[in-house]
Amino acid sequence: MVQKKGLGLLLAAAAAYGYYRYSKMTPEERSSLIEKGKKLFTDNMGPLGDMFKPRNGNTVNNPSGTTM
């Protein structure tokens, strides 16, 4: 159980470092990073990634995602 506490601390440290690096980026570097992330997502998620895309049409903005 001791390892789980260390894992949480390590995860928090990695998130803080990532936030620090992102905050120091120029706008061009940020847009490049966002494009790389989108490309990585579309290349690796395949049809599963369609679940996370916003729907078009007659949908109501509600948490359940059902249409009315």
C-alpha atoms as a PDB file:
ATOM      1  CA  MET A   1       0.000   0.000   0.000  1.00  0.00           C
ATOM      2  CA  VAL A   2       2.931   2.332   0.449  1.00  0.00           C
ATOM      3  CA  GLN A   3       3.531   2.359  -3.296  1.00  0.00           C
ATOM      4  CA  LYS A   4       0.051   3.775  -3.992  1.00  0.00           C
ATOM      5  CA  LYS A   5       0.827   6.864  -1.910  1.00  0.00           C
ATOM      6  CA  GLY A   6       4.063   7.397  -3.801  1.00  0.00           C
ATOM      7  CA  LEU A   7       2.268   6.907  -7.106  1.00  0.00           C
ATOM      8  CA  GLY A   8      -0.195   9.697  -6.303  1.00  0.00           C
ATOM      9  CA  LEU A   9       2.608  12.042  -5.382  1.00  0.00           C
ATOM     10  CA  LEU A  10       4.465  11.166  -8.571  1.00  0.00           C
ATOM     11  CA  LEU A  11       1.341  11.770 -10.653  1.00  0.00           C
ATOM     12  CA  ALA A  12       0.775  15.149  -8.987  1.00  0.00           C
ATOM     13  CA  ALA A  13       4.404  16.133  -9.595  1.00  0.00           C
ATOM     14  CA  ALA A  14       4.142  15.151 -13.276  1.00  0.00           C
ATOM     15  CA  ALA A  15       0.947  17.192 -13.667  1.00  0.00           C
ATOM     16  CA  ALA A  16       2.541  20.226 -12.012  1.00  0.00           C
ATOM     17  CA  TYR A  17       5.596  19.970 -14.257  1.00  0.00           C
ATOM     18  CA  GLY A  18       3.381  19.668 -17.338  1.00  0.00           C
ATOM     19  CA  TYR A  19       1.412  22.733 -16.304  1.00  0.00           C
ATOM     20  CA  TYR A  20       4.638  24.667 -15.733  1.00  0.00           C
ATOM     21  CA  ARG A  21       5.987  23.723 -19.161  1.00  0.00           C
ATOM     22  CA  TYR A  22       2.688  24.587 -20.858  1.00  0.00           C
ATOM     23  CA  SER A  23       2.544  27.982 -19.145  1.00  0.00           C
ATOM     24  CA  LYS A  24       6.034  28.848 -20.443  1.00  0.00           C
ATOM     25  CA  MET A  25       5.233  27.983 -24.093  1.00  0.00           C
ATOM     26  CA  THR A  26       4.729  30.570 -26.789  1.00  0.00           C
ATOM     27  CA  PRO A  27       1.328  30.676 -28.548  1.00  0.00           C
ATOM     28  CA  GLU A  28       2.883  29.023 -31.623  1.00  0.00           C
ATOM     29  CA  GLU A  29       4.242  26.156 -29.524  1.00  0.00           C
ATOM     30  CA  ARG A  30       0.858  25.733 -27.834  1.00  0.00           C
ATOM     31  CA  SER A  31      -1.014  25.513 -31.123  1.00  0.00           C
ATOM     32  CA  SER A  32       1.557  23.036 -32.418  1.00  0.00           C
ATOM     33  CA  LEU A  33       1.124  20.922 -29.289  1.00  0.00           C
ATOM     34  CA  ILE A  34      -2.669  20.995 -29.645  1.00  0.00           C
ATOM     35  CA  GLU A  35      -2.430  19.897 -33.291  1.00  0.00           C
ATOM     36  CA  LYS A  36      -0.080  17.050 -32.327  1.00  0.00           C
ATOM     37  CA  GLY A  37      -2.525  15.955 -29.638  1.00  0.00           C
ATOM     38  CA  LYS A  38      -5.453  16.008 -32.053  1.00  0.00           C
ATOM     39  CA  LYS A  39      -3.477  13.997 -34.616  1.00  0.00           C
ATOM     40  CA  LEU A  40      -2.428  11.469 -31.973  1.00  0.00           C
ATOM     41  CA  PHE A  41      -6.034  11.124 -30.835  1.00  0.00           C
ATOM     42  CA  THR A  42      -7.464  10.617 -34.323  1.00  0.00           C
ATOM     43  CA  ASP A  43      -4.724   8.199 -35.377  1.00  0.00           C
ATOM     44  CA  ASN A  44      -4.960   5.992 -32.296  1.00  0.00           C
ATOM     45  CA  MET A  45      -8.593   6.140 -31.224  1.00  0.00           C
ATOM     46  CA  GLY A  46     -10.147   5.271 -34.591  1.00  0.00           C
ATOM     47  CA  PRO A  47     -13.931   4.808 -34.481  1.00  0.00           C
ATOM     48  CA  LEU A  48     -13.946   5.006 -30.692  1.00  0.00           C
ATOM     49  CA  GLY A  49     -12.948   8.656 -30.976  1.00  0.00           C
ATOM     50  CA  ASP A  50     -16.289   9.453 -32.644  1.00  0.00           C
ATOM     51  CA  MET A  51     -17.960   9.089 -29.249  1.00  0.00           C
ATOM     52  CA  PHE A  52     -16.141  12.172 -27.990  1.00  0.00           C
ATOM     53  CA  LYS A  53     -16.936  14.468 -30.915  1.00  0.00           C
ATOM     54  CA  PRO A  54     -19.746  17.016 -30.445  1.00  0.00           C
ATOM     55  CA  ARG A  55     -23.027  16.081 -32.066  1.00  0.00           C
ATOM     56  CA  ASN A  56     -24.735  18.250 -34.654  1.00  0.00           C
ATOM     57  CA  GLY A  57     -28.463  18.516 -35.106  1.00  0.00           C
ATOM     58  CA  ASN A  58     -31.386  18.876 -32.777  1.00  0.00           C
ATOM     59  CA  THR A  59     -29.711  18.079 -29.512  1.00  0.00           C
ATOM     60  CA  VAL A  60     -30.325  19.685 -26.195  1.00  0.00           C
ATOM     61  CA  ASN A  61     -27.313  20.574 -24.124  1.00  0.00           C
ATOM     62  CA  ASN A  62     -27.864  18.214 -21.203  1.00  0.00           C
ATOM     63  CA  PRO A  63     -25.483  15.963 -19.276  1.00  0.00           C
ATOM     64  CA  SER A  64     -27.111  12.693 -20.375  1.00  0.00           C
ATOM     65  CA  GLY A  65     -26.464  13.414 -24.057  1.00  0.00           C
ATOM     66  CA  THR A  66     -29.937  12.341 -25.151  1.00  0.00           C
ATOM     67  CA  THR A  67     -31.832  14.139 -27.869  1.00  0.00           C
ATOM     68  CA  MET A  68     -35.251  15.693 -27.479  1.00  0.00           C
END
